[in-house]
Amino acid sequence: MNKAKARIQKYLKKWMKPLGLLWWDITVVYYDDPNEISKTFSNPGGSLTSIAKTEVKWEYGLAILSINLPEWIDLTDRDTESYLVHELMHILVNEMHEKGTKHEERVVVGLQKAFMWCEAAFSKETKPTK
């Protein structure tokens, strides 16, 4: 399970800055106890619903990323990265649950900045060398 945690930390570190999330206070909680996993990741019928979930208090810049660790052990690096980016996107868009276009506008500005940072990083990596 330590290898899975290390992979998760590696990709969180990779994506926090490009997605503009460094100013957020994000707590990562790893669950490996079967009883806690059942309580945290099951639907009312008792079946597991996800390998991770993200709770967001956007008005305070707070988020909790809960990880169902046994489900991450056999993931490839690509799947680990993909699932983490998915969870981090919940932080960026959660505010859109609120009514009104002001929240949507703030979320869109955040996404715009994140993708501009990603594009800038990509452009630097792909410049031809002399």
N, C-alpha and C. Protein backbone atom coordinates (compact mmCIF):
# COMPACT_ATOMS: atom_id res chain seq x y z
N MET A 1 0.81 -1.19 0.00
CA MET A 1 0.00 0.00 0.00
C MET A 1 0.85 1.26 0.00
N ASN A 2 2.07 1.14 0.50
CA ASN A 2 2.96 2.30 0.49
C ASN A 2 3.31 2.73 -0.93
N LYS A 3 3.42 1.77 -1.85
CA LYS A 3 3.71 2.11 -3.25
C LYS A 3 2.54 2.89 -3.86
N ALA A 4 1.33 2.47 -3.53
CA ALA A 4 0.14 3.18 -4.04
C ALA A 4 0.12 4.60 -3.50
N LYS A 5 0.40 4.77 -2.21
CA LYS A 5 0.45 6.12 -1.62
C LYS A 5 1.51 6.98 -2.30
N ALA A 6 2.66 6.38 -2.54
CA ALA A 6 3.76 7.12 -3.18
C ALA A 6 3.35 7.58 -4.58
N ARG A 7 2.68 6.70 -5.35
CA ARG A 7 2.20 7.07 -6.69
C ARG A 7 1.18 8.20 -6.59
N ILE A 8 0.27 8.08 -5.65
CA ILE A 8 -0.75 9.12 -5.48
C ILE A 8 -0.08 10.45 -5.17
N GLN A 9 0.87 10.47 -4.23
CA GLN A 9 1.56 11.71 -3.87
C GLN A 9 2.33 12.28 -5.06
N LYS A 10 2.94 11.40 -5.84
CA LYS A 10 3.70 11.83 -7.02
C LYS A 10 2.79 12.60 -7.99
N TYR A 11 1.60 12.07 -8.26
CA TYR A 11 0.73 12.72 -9.22
C TYR A 11 -0.01 13.92 -8.63
N LEU A 12 -0.25 13.91 -7.34
CA LEU A 12 -0.80 15.11 -6.72
C LEU A 12 0.19 16.26 -6.85
N LYS A 13 1.45 15.98 -6.57
CA LYS A 13 2.49 17.00 -6.69
C LYS A 13 2.59 17.51 -8.13
N LYS A 14 2.46 16.61 -9.08
CA LYS A 14 2.56 16.99 -10.49
C LYS A 14 1.43 17.92 -10.91
N TRP A 15 0.22 17.69 -10.41
CA TRP A 15 -0.96 18.39 -10.92
C TRP A 15 -1.44 19.58 -10.10
N MET A 16 -1.02 19.71 -8.87
CA MET A 16 -1.54 20.80 -8.03
C MET A 16 -1.25 22.18 -8.63
N LYS A 17 -0.04 22.42 -9.07
CA LYS A 17 0.30 23.73 -9.63
C LYS A 17 -0.37 23.97 -10.99
N PRO A 18 -0.27 23.04 -11.95
CA PRO A 18 -0.89 23.30 -13.24
C PRO A 18 -2.40 23.54 -13.15
N LEU A 19 -3.05 22.93 -12.16
CA LEU A 19 -4.50 23.12 -12.03
C LEU A 19 -4.85 24.31 -11.15
N GLY A 20 -3.86 25.03 -10.67
CA GLY A 20 -4.12 26.22 -9.87
C GLY A 20 -4.66 25.91 -8.49
N LEU A 21 -4.27 24.78 -7.92
CA LEU A 21 -4.81 24.35 -6.63
C LEU A 21 -3.85 24.55 -5.46
N LEU A 22 -2.73 25.19 -5.68
CA LEU A 22 -1.77 25.35 -4.59
C LEU A 22 -2.30 26.22 -3.46
N TRP A 23 -3.20 27.11 -3.74
CA TRP A 23 -3.74 27.96 -2.68
C TRP A 23 -4.83 27.25 -1.89
N TRP A 24 -5.31 26.13 -2.36
CA TRP A 24 -6.31 25.35 -1.63
C TRP A 24 -5.65 24.59 -0.48
N ASP A 25 -6.42 24.36 0.57
CA ASP A 25 -5.99 23.51 1.67
C ASP A 25 -6.65 22.15 1.43
N ILE A 26 -5.88 21.22 0.88
CA ILE A 26 -6.42 19.91 0.50
C ILE A 26 -5.83 18.85 1.43
N THR A 27 -6.71 18.15 2.11
CA THR A 27 -6.31 17.06 3.00
C THR A 27 -6.58 15.74 2.28
N VAL A 28 -5.58 14.87 2.25
CA VAL A 28 -5.75 13.55 1.65
C VAL A 28 -5.86 12.55 2.79
N VAL A 29 -6.95 11.78 2.77
CA VAL A 29 -7.18 10.77 3.80
C VAL A 29 -7.19 9.40 3.11
N TYR A 30 -6.32 8.52 3.59
CA TYR A 30 -6.22 7.18 3.03
C TYR A 30 -6.98 6.21 3.91
N TYR A 31 -7.85 5.42 3.30
CA TYR A 31 -8.62 4.41 4.03
C TYR A 31 -8.14 3.03 3.60
N ASP A 32 -7.77 2.21 4.60
CA ASP A 32 -7.42 0.82 4.29
C ASP A 32 -8.15 -0.17 5.19
N ASP A 33 -8.85 0.32 6.21
CA ASP A 33 -9.64 -0.53 7.09
C ASP A 33 -10.97 -0.87 6.40
N PRO A 34 -11.30 -2.16 6.23
CA PRO A 34 -12.53 -2.56 5.52
C PRO A 34 -13.80 -1.92 6.08
N ASN A 35 -13.90 -1.78 7.40
CA ASN A 35 -15.10 -1.17 7.98
C ASN A 35 -15.21 0.30 7.62
N GLU A 36 -14.10 1.01 7.68
CA GLU A 36 -14.09 2.44 7.33
C GLU A 36 -14.35 2.62 5.83
N ILE A 37 -13.79 1.74 5.02
CA ILE A 37 -14.03 1.79 3.58
C ILE A 37 -15.51 1.62 3.30
N SER A 38 -16.12 0.64 3.95
CA SER A 38 -17.54 0.38 3.75
C SER A 38 -18.38 1.61 4.13
N LYS A 39 -18.07 2.23 5.27
CA LYS A 39 -18.81 3.41 5.72
C LYS A 39 -18.62 4.61 4.79
N THR A 40 -17.40 4.77 4.29
CA THR A 40 -17.05 5.97 3.53
C THR A 40 -17.41 5.88 2.05
N PHE A 41 -17.29 4.69 1.47
CA PHE A 41 -17.40 4.57 0.02
C PHE A 41 -18.59 3.75 -0.46
N SER A 42 -19.51 3.39 0.41
CA SER A 42 -20.65 2.56 0.00
C SER A 42 -21.91 3.40 -0.12
N ASN A 43 -22.80 2.96 -1.00
CA ASN A 43 -24.10 3.60 -1.11
C ASN A 43 -25.03 3.01 -0.05
N PRO A 44 -26.24 3.56 0.11
CA PRO A 44 -27.13 3.04 1.16
C PRO A 44 -27.42 1.54 1.04
N GLY A 45 -27.32 0.98 -0.16
CA GLY A 45 -27.54 -0.45 -0.35
C GLY A 45 -26.37 -1.31 0.09
N GLY A 46 -25.23 -0.67 0.38
CA GLY A 46 -24.08 -1.40 0.89
C GLY A 46 -23.01 -1.72 -0.14
N SER A 47 -23.25 -1.45 -1.43
CA SER A 47 -22.22 -1.76 -2.42
C SER A 47 -21.25 -0.58 -2.55
N LEU A 48 -19.99 -0.93 -2.82
CA LEU A 48 -18.97 0.12 -2.99
C LEU A 48 -19.29 0.94 -4.22
N THR A 49 -19.12 2.25 -4.09
CA THR A 49 -19.47 3.14 -5.19
C THR A 49 -18.28 3.79 -5.86
N SER A 50 -17.15 3.88 -5.17
CA SER A 50 -16.03 4.59 -5.79
C SER A 50 -14.70 4.20 -5.14
N ILE A 51 -13.64 4.58 -5.83
CA ILE A 51 -12.31 4.35 -5.28
C ILE A 51 -11.79 5.62 -4.60
N ALA A 52 -12.51 6.72 -4.80
CA ALA A 52 -12.13 7.98 -4.16
C ALA A 52 -13.35 8.89 -4.15
N LYS A 53 -13.31 9.87 -3.26
CA LYS A 53 -14.34 10.89 -3.28
C LYS A 53 -13.73 12.19 -2.78
N THR A 54 -14.29 13.27 -3.24
CA THR A 54 -13.78 14.59 -2.89
C THR A 54 -14.90 15.42 -2.30
N GLU A 55 -14.67 15.93 -1.11
CA GLU A 55 -15.61 16.84 -0.46
C GLU A 55 -14.99 18.23 -0.50
N VAL A 56 -15.79 19.22 -0.88
CA VAL A 56 -15.25 20.55 -1.11
C VAL A 56 -16.05 21.59 -0.33
N LYS A 57 -15.34 22.48 0.32
CA LYS A 57 -15.92 23.69 0.89
C LYS A 57 -15.27 24.84 0.13
N TRP A 58 -15.80 25.09 -1.07
CA TRP A 58 -15.17 26.03 -1.99
C TRP A 58 -15.08 27.44 -1.43
N GLU A 59 -16.05 27.83 -0.60
CA GLU A 59 -16.04 29.19 -0.08
C GLU A 59 -14.86 29.46 0.85
N TYR A 60 -14.26 28.39 1.36
CA TYR A 60 -13.09 28.51 2.24
C TYR A 60 -11.81 27.98 1.60
N GLY A 61 -11.90 27.46 0.38
CA GLY A 61 -10.73 26.89 -0.26
C GLY A 61 -10.25 25.62 0.41
N LEU A 62 -11.20 24.82 0.90
CA LEU A 62 -10.88 23.57 1.60
C LEU A 62 -11.42 22.37 0.83
N ALA A 63 -10.67 21.29 0.85
CA ALA A 63 -11.15 20.05 0.24
C ALA A 63 -10.55 18.86 0.98
N ILE A 64 -11.32 17.78 1.00
CA ILE A 64 -10.85 16.51 1.54
C ILE A 64 -10.94 15.48 0.43
N LEU A 65 -9.81 14.89 0.11
CA LEU A 65 -9.73 13.84 -0.90
C LEU A 65 -9.60 12.52 -0.15
N SER A 66 -10.65 11.72 -0.18
CA SER A 66 -10.67 10.42 0.49
C SER A 66 -10.30 9.33 -0.51
N ILE A 67 -9.33 8.52 -0.15
CA ILE A 67 -8.80 7.48 -1.04
C ILE A 67 -9.10 6.10 -0.47
N ASN A 68 -9.78 5.26 -1.25
CA ASN A 68 -10.03 3.86 -0.92
C ASN A 68 -8.77 3.10 -1.35
N LEU A 69 -7.77 3.10 -0.50
CA LEU A 69 -6.42 2.67 -0.86
C LEU A 69 -6.31 1.27 -1.48
N PRO A 70 -6.99 0.25 -0.98
CA PRO A 70 -6.84 -1.06 -1.62
C PRO A 70 -7.21 -1.07 -3.11
N GLU A 71 -8.10 -0.18 -3.51
CA GLU A 71 -8.51 -0.11 -4.92
C GLU A 71 -7.43 0.50 -5.81
N TRP A 72 -6.44 1.17 -5.22
CA TRP A 72 -5.39 1.85 -5.98
C TRP A 72 -4.13 1.01 -6.14
N ILE A 73 -4.04 -0.08 -5.42
CA ILE A 73 -2.79 -0.86 -5.38
C ILE A 73 -2.37 -1.37 -6.76
N ASP A 74 -3.29 -1.91 -7.52
CA ASP A 74 -2.95 -2.51 -8.80
C ASP A 74 -3.17 -1.59 -10.00
N LEU A 75 -3.45 -0.32 -9.76
CA LEU A 75 -3.65 0.60 -10.87
C LEU A 75 -2.33 0.89 -11.58
N THR A 76 -2.41 1.12 -12.86
CA THR A 76 -1.23 1.57 -13.60
C THR A 76 -0.95 3.02 -13.23
N ASP A 77 0.23 3.48 -13.57
CA ASP A 77 0.55 4.89 -13.35
C ASP A 77 -0.45 5.79 -14.08
N ARG A 78 -0.77 5.43 -15.31
CA ARG A 78 -1.69 6.24 -16.12
C ARG A 78 -3.07 6.31 -15.47
N ASP A 79 -3.59 5.19 -15.00
CA ASP A 79 -4.90 5.19 -14.35
C ASP A 79 -4.85 5.97 -13.04
N THR A 80 -3.78 5.82 -12.28
CA THR A 80 -3.63 6.58 -11.03
C THR A 80 -3.69 8.07 -11.33
N GLU A 81 -2.93 8.49 -12.31
CA GLU A 81 -2.90 9.91 -12.67
C GLU A 81 -4.27 10.38 -13.15
N SER A 82 -4.89 9.60 -13.99
CA SER A 82 -6.20 9.96 -14.53
C SER A 82 -7.26 10.09 -13.43
N TYR A 83 -7.31 9.13 -12.53
CA TYR A 83 -8.30 9.18 -11.45
C TYR A 83 -8.05 10.37 -10.52
N LEU A 84 -6.79 10.68 -10.25
CA LEU A 84 -6.49 11.82 -9.39
C LEU A 84 -6.87 13.14 -10.05
N VAL A 85 -6.56 13.29 -11.33
CA VAL A 85 -6.96 14.52 -12.03
C VAL A 85 -8.49 14.64 -12.00
N HIS A 86 -9.19 13.54 -12.18
CA HIS A 86 -10.65 13.55 -12.11
C HIS A 86 -11.10 14.08 -10.75
N GLU A 87 -10.53 13.55 -9.67
CA GLU A 87 -10.92 14.00 -8.33
C GLU A 87 -10.58 15.47 -8.12
N LEU A 88 -9.43 15.91 -8.61
CA LEU A 88 -9.05 17.31 -8.47
C LEU A 88 -9.98 18.23 -9.25
N MET A 89 -10.52 17.75 -10.35
CA MET A 89 -11.50 18.55 -11.12
C MET A 89 -12.75 18.83 -10.29
N HIS A 90 -13.12 17.90 -9.41
CA HIS A 90 -14.27 18.14 -8.54
C HIS A 90 -14.04 19.39 -7.68
N ILE A 91 -12.80 19.62 -7.29
CA ILE A 91 -12.50 20.82 -6.50
C ILE A 91 -12.77 22.07 -7.33
N LEU A 92 -12.39 22.03 -8.60
CA LEU A 92 -12.55 23.20 -9.45
C LEU A 92 -14.01 23.50 -9.81
N VAL A 93 -14.84 22.47 -9.89
CA VAL A 93 -16.21 22.70 -10.36
C VAL A 93 -17.28 22.60 -9.29
N ASN A 94 -16.94 22.19 -8.09
CA ASN A 94 -17.94 21.97 -7.05
C ASN A 94 -18.82 23.18 -6.80
N GLU A 95 -18.25 24.34 -6.89
CA GLU A 95 -18.99 25.57 -6.65
C GLU A 95 -20.18 25.73 -7.60
N MET A 96 -20.16 25.07 -8.73
CA MET A 96 -21.24 25.21 -9.71
C MET A 96 -22.55 24.61 -9.23
N HIS A 97 -22.55 23.94 -8.09
CA HIS A 97 -23.80 23.47 -7.51
C HIS A 97 -24.65 24.63 -7.01
N GLU A 98 -23.99 25.77 -6.78
CA GLU A 98 -24.69 26.95 -6.28
C GLU A 98 -25.49 27.60 -7.39
N LYS A 99 -26.53 28.34 -7.00
CA LYS A 99 -27.38 29.03 -7.97
C LYS A 99 -26.72 30.32 -8.42
N GLY A 100 -27.01 30.72 -9.64
CA GLY A 100 -26.53 31.98 -10.16
C GLY A 100 -25.29 31.83 -11.02
N THR A 101 -25.07 32.83 -11.89
CA THR A 101 -23.95 32.75 -12.82
C THR A 101 -22.64 33.25 -12.23
N LYS A 102 -22.65 33.94 -11.09
CA LYS A 102 -21.40 34.41 -10.50
C LYS A 102 -20.51 33.24 -10.13
N HIS A 103 -21.10 32.19 -9.61
CA HIS A 103 -20.30 31.01 -9.24
C HIS A 103 -19.74 30.34 -10.49
N GLU A 104 -20.57 30.22 -11.50
CA GLU A 104 -20.10 29.62 -12.75
C GLU A 104 -18.95 30.45 -13.33
N GLU A 105 -19.07 31.76 -13.26
CA GLU A 105 -18.03 32.63 -13.80
C GLU A 105 -16.71 32.43 -13.05
N ARG A 106 -16.75 32.34 -11.72
CA ARG A 106 -15.54 32.13 -10.94
C ARG A 106 -14.90 30.78 -11.26
N VAL A 107 -15.74 29.75 -11.43
CA VAL A 107 -15.23 28.42 -11.78
C VAL A 107 -14.59 28.46 -13.16
N VAL A 108 -15.22 29.11 -14.10
CA VAL A 108 -14.67 29.19 -15.45
C VAL A 108 -13.34 29.94 -15.45
N VAL A 109 -13.24 31.01 -14.68
CA VAL A 109 -11.97 31.74 -14.58
C VAL A 109 -10.88 30.82 -14.02
N GLY A 110 -11.21 30.05 -12.99
CA GLY A 110 -10.24 29.12 -12.43
C GLY A 110 -9.80 28.07 -13.45
N LEU A 111 -10.75 27.54 -14.19
CA LEU A 111 -10.41 26.55 -15.22
C LEU A 111 -9.56 27.18 -16.33
N GLN A 112 -9.92 28.38 -16.71
CA GLN A 112 -9.16 29.08 -17.75
C GLN A 112 -7.71 29.23 -17.32
N LYS A 113 -7.49 29.66 -16.09
CA LYS A 113 -6.12 29.83 -15.59
C LYS A 113 -5.39 28.49 -15.56
N ALA A 114 -6.09 27.46 -15.10
CA ALA A 114 -5.46 26.14 -15.01
C ALA A 114 -5.03 25.65 -16.37
N PHE A 115 -5.87 25.78 -17.37
CA PHE A 115 -5.52 25.29 -18.69
C PHE A 115 -4.47 26.16 -19.36
N MET A 116 -4.47 27.45 -19.05
CA MET A 116 -3.41 28.31 -19.58
C MET A 116 -2.06 27.90 -18.99
N TRP A 117 -2.04 27.58 -17.69
CA TRP A 117 -0.80 27.12 -17.07
C TRP A 117 -0.35 25.80 -17.69
N CYS A 118 -1.32 24.91 -17.94
CA CYS A 118 -0.98 23.61 -18.56
C CYS A 118 -0.41 23.82 -19.96
N GLU A 119 -1.03 24.70 -20.71
CA GLU A 119 -0.57 24.96 -22.07
C GLU A 119 0.83 25.55 -22.06
N ALA A 120 1.08 26.48 -21.14
CA ALA A 120 2.40 27.09 -21.04
C ALA A 120 3.45 26.04 -20.70
N ALA A 121 3.13 25.16 -19.78
CA ALA A 121 4.07 24.10 -19.41
C ALA A 121 4.30 23.16 -20.59
N PHE A 122 3.25 22.83 -21.30
CA PHE A 122 3.37 21.94 -22.46
C PHE A 122 4.21 22.60 -23.54
N SER A 123 3.99 23.88 -23.78
CA SER A 123 4.74 24.59 -24.82
C SER A 123 6.23 24.59 -24.51
N LYS A 124 6.59 24.77 -23.25
CA LYS A 124 8.01 24.76 -22.87
C LYS A 124 8.63 23.39 -23.10
N GLU A 125 7.86 22.34 -22.86
CA GLU A 125 8.38 20.97 -23.02
C GLU A 125 8.55 20.60 -24.48
N THR A 126 7.75 21.20 -25.35
CA THR A 126 7.76 20.76 -26.75
C THR A 126 8.51 21.72 -27.69
N LYS A 127 9.15 22.73 -27.13
CA LYS A 127 9.94 23.64 -28.00
C LYS A 127 11.12 22.86 -28.58
N PRO A 128 11.38 23.10 -29.86
CA PRO A 128 12.54 22.43 -30.47
C PRO A 128 13.83 22.92 -29.84
N THR A 129 14.77 22.02 -29.70
CA THR A 129 16.07 22.39 -29.15
C THR A 129 17.02 22.73 -30.28
N LYS A 130 17.97 23.59 -30.01
CA LYS A 130 18.93 23.99 -31.06
C LYS A 130 20.14 23.13 -31.03
